[in-house]
Amino acid sequence: MIRVRPQTIIHVAIAAAATYYVLQLYEYINGPATQSELGSYGIFLIFSVLFLVAKNLPWFARTVIRTAIYAFIALNVKRFFFNRKG
């Protein structure tokens, strides 16, 4: 059974707020976000939450989740800075 500590709830709230504000910055720079971009930020938020509650998972599962998070960060940084619209 996974126990949720109060710190984890706070970290999830911070991750959600940070994702929201990064998306707002993206829309300010590049115009309205497409459905694909919104989906990728949603997936990133899900992976971030999994990483926060992954303390009780085996090391291999934590490594897979961490690698997926790094891949999403790299793809979104590339899209954020090098996909200018207009």
C-alpha atoms as a PDB file:
ATOM      1  CA  MET A   1       0.000   0.000   0.000  1.00  0.00           C
ATOM      2  CA  ILE A   2       1.294   3.451  -0.880  1.00  0.00           C
ATOM      3  CA  ARG A   3       1.091   5.980   1.917  1.00  0.00           C
ATOM      4  CA  VAL A   4       0.795   9.618   0.903  1.00  0.00           C
ATOM      5  CA  ARG A   5       2.628  12.083   3.112  1.00  0.00           C
ATOM      6  CA  PRO A   6       1.536  15.724   3.427  1.00  0.00           C
ATOM      7  CA  GLN A   7       4.789  16.805   1.746  1.00  0.00           C
ATOM      8  CA  THR A   8       3.843  14.767  -1.326  1.00  0.00           C
ATOM      9  CA  ILE A   9       0.518  16.571  -1.643  1.00  0.00           C
ATOM     10  CA  ILE A  10       2.332  19.909  -1.439  1.00  0.00           C
ATOM     11  CA  HIS A  11       4.865  18.800  -4.072  1.00  0.00           C
ATOM     12  CA  VAL A  12       2.078  17.682  -6.422  1.00  0.00           C
ATOM     13  CA  ALA A  13       0.364  21.056  -6.016  1.00  0.00           C
ATOM     14  CA  ILE A  14       3.643  22.851  -6.782  1.00  0.00           C
ATOM     15  CA  ALA A  15       4.219  20.664  -9.858  1.00  0.00           C
ATOM     16  CA  ALA A  16       0.704  21.415 -11.119  1.00  0.00           C
ATOM     17  CA  ALA A  17       1.150  25.164 -10.587  1.00  0.00           C
ATOM     18  CA  ALA A  18       4.559  25.142 -12.278  1.00  0.00           C
ATOM     19  CA  THR A  19       3.149  23.232 -15.264  1.00  0.00           C
ATOM     20  CA  TYR A  20       0.315  25.748 -15.564  1.00  0.00           C
ATOM     21  CA  TYR A  21       2.652  28.740 -15.503  1.00  0.00           C
ATOM     22  CA  VAL A  22       5.083  27.182 -17.995  1.00  0.00           C
ATOM     23  CA  LEU A  23       2.138  26.606 -20.330  1.00  0.00           C
ATOM     24  CA  GLN A  24       1.040  30.234 -19.875  1.00  0.00           C
ATOM     25  CA  LEU A  25       4.560  31.419 -20.722  1.00  0.00           C
ATOM     26  CA  TYR A  26       4.599  29.155 -23.783  1.00  0.00           C
ATOM     27  CA  GLU A  27       1.280  30.591 -24.994  1.00  0.00           C
ATOM     28  CA  TYR A  28       2.536  34.140 -24.389  1.00  0.00           C
ATOM     29  CA  ILE A  29       5.625  33.502 -26.532  1.00  0.00           C
ATOM     30  CA  ASN A  30       4.245  31.204 -29.245  1.00  0.00           C
ATOM     31  CA  GLY A  31       0.503  31.867 -29.353  1.00  0.00           C
ATOM     32  CA  PRO A  32      -2.263  29.443 -28.365  1.00  0.00           C
ATOM     33  CA  ALA A  33      -1.116  25.922 -27.561  1.00  0.00           C
ATOM     34  CA  THR A  34      -2.323  23.063 -29.735  1.00  0.00           C
ATOM     35  CA  GLN A  35      -4.041  19.965 -28.376  1.00  0.00           C
ATOM     36  CA  SER A  36      -0.799  18.012 -28.816  1.00  0.00           C
ATOM     37  CA  GLU A  37       1.155  20.499 -26.724  1.00  0.00           C
ATOM     38  CA  LEU A  38      -1.476  20.465 -23.982  1.00  0.00           C
ATOM     39  CA  GLY A  39      -1.361  16.668 -23.981  1.00  0.00           C
ATOM     40  CA  SER A  40       2.412  16.582 -23.657  1.00  0.00           C
ATOM     41  CA  TYR A  41       2.280  18.910 -20.640  1.00  0.00           C
ATOM     42  CA  GLY A  42      -0.436  16.727 -19.108  1.00  0.00           C
ATOM     43  CA  ILE A  43       1.701  13.625 -19.585  1.00  0.00           C
ATOM     44  CA  PHE A  44       4.684  15.429 -18.066  1.00  0.00           C
ATOM     45  CA  LEU A  45       2.580  16.352 -15.028  1.00  0.00           C
ATOM     46  CA  ILE A  46       1.456  12.723 -14.645  1.00  0.00           C
ATOM     47  CA  PHE A  47       5.068  11.509 -14.804  1.00  0.00           C
ATOM     48  CA  SER A  48       6.068  14.147 -12.256  1.00  0.00           C
ATOM     49  CA  VAL A  49       3.379  12.952  -9.857  1.00  0.00           C
ATOM     50  CA  LEU A  50       4.459   9.338 -10.372  1.00  0.00           C
ATOM     51  CA  PHE A  51       8.037  10.343  -9.609  1.00  0.00           C
ATOM     52  CA  LEU A  52       6.954  12.030  -6.379  1.00  0.00           C
ATOM     53  CA  VAL A  53       5.055   8.979  -5.131  1.00  0.00           C
ATOM     54  CA  ALA A  54       7.591   6.464  -6.459  1.00  0.00           C
ATOM     55  CA  LYS A  55       9.500   6.115  -3.203  1.00  0.00           C
ATOM     56  CA  ASN A  56       8.000   2.674  -2.577  1.00  0.00           C
ATOM     57  CA  LEU A  57       8.608   1.350  -6.099  1.00  0.00           C
ATOM     58  CA  PRO A  58      11.570  -0.865  -7.026  1.00  0.00           C
ATOM     59  CA  TRP A  59      14.681   0.870  -8.349  1.00  0.00           C
ATOM     60  CA  PHE A  60      14.012  -0.262 -11.935  1.00  0.00           C
ATOM     61  CA  ALA A  61      10.534   1.318 -11.991  1.00  0.00           C
ATOM     62  CA  ARG A  62      11.946   4.562 -10.564  1.00  0.00           C
ATOM     63  CA  THR A  63      14.641   4.569 -13.255  1.00  0.00           C
ATOM     64  CA  VAL A  64      12.085   4.054 -16.039  1.00  0.00           C
ATOM     65  CA  ILE A  65       9.895   6.893 -14.721  1.00  0.00           C
ATOM     66  CA  ARG A  66      12.905   9.195 -14.320  1.00  0.00           C
ATOM     67  CA  THR A  67      14.099   8.442 -17.874  1.00  0.00           C
ATOM     68  CA  ALA A  68      10.630   9.176 -19.268  1.00  0.00           C
ATOM     69  CA  ILE A  69      10.564  12.505 -17.416  1.00  0.00           C
ATOM     70  CA  TYR A  70      13.965  13.472 -18.828  1.00  0.00           C
ATOM     71  CA  ALA A  71      12.854  12.545 -22.361  1.00  0.00           C
ATOM     72  CA  PHE A  72       9.705  14.676 -22.051  1.00  0.00           C
ATOM     73  CA  ILE A  73      11.732  17.592 -20.692  1.00  0.00           C
ATOM     74  CA  ALA A  74      14.151  17.378 -23.627  1.00  0.00           C
ATOM     75  CA  LEU A  75      11.360  17.180 -26.223  1.00  0.00           C
ATOM     76  CA  ASN A  76       9.390  20.033 -24.676  1.00  0.00           C
ATOM     77  CA  VAL A  77      12.433  22.278 -24.323  1.00  0.00           C
ATOM     78  CA  LYS A  78      13.159  21.700 -28.003  1.00  0.00           C
ATOM     79  CA  ARG A  79       9.539  22.425 -28.932  1.00  0.00           C
ATOM     80  CA  PHE A  80       9.334  25.402 -26.568  1.00  0.00           C
ATOM     81  CA  PHE A  81      12.353  27.248 -27.927  1.00  0.00           C
ATOM     82  CA  PHE A  82      12.649  26.106 -31.546  1.00  0.00           C
ATOM     83  CA  ASN A  83       9.043  25.839 -32.758  1.00  0.00           C
ATOM     84  CA  ARG A  84       8.191  29.501 -33.139  1.00  0.00           C
ATOM     85  CA  LYS A  85       4.834  30.207 -34.756  1.00  0.00           C
ATOM     86  CA  GLY A  86       4.704  33.249 -37.004  1.00  0.00           C
END
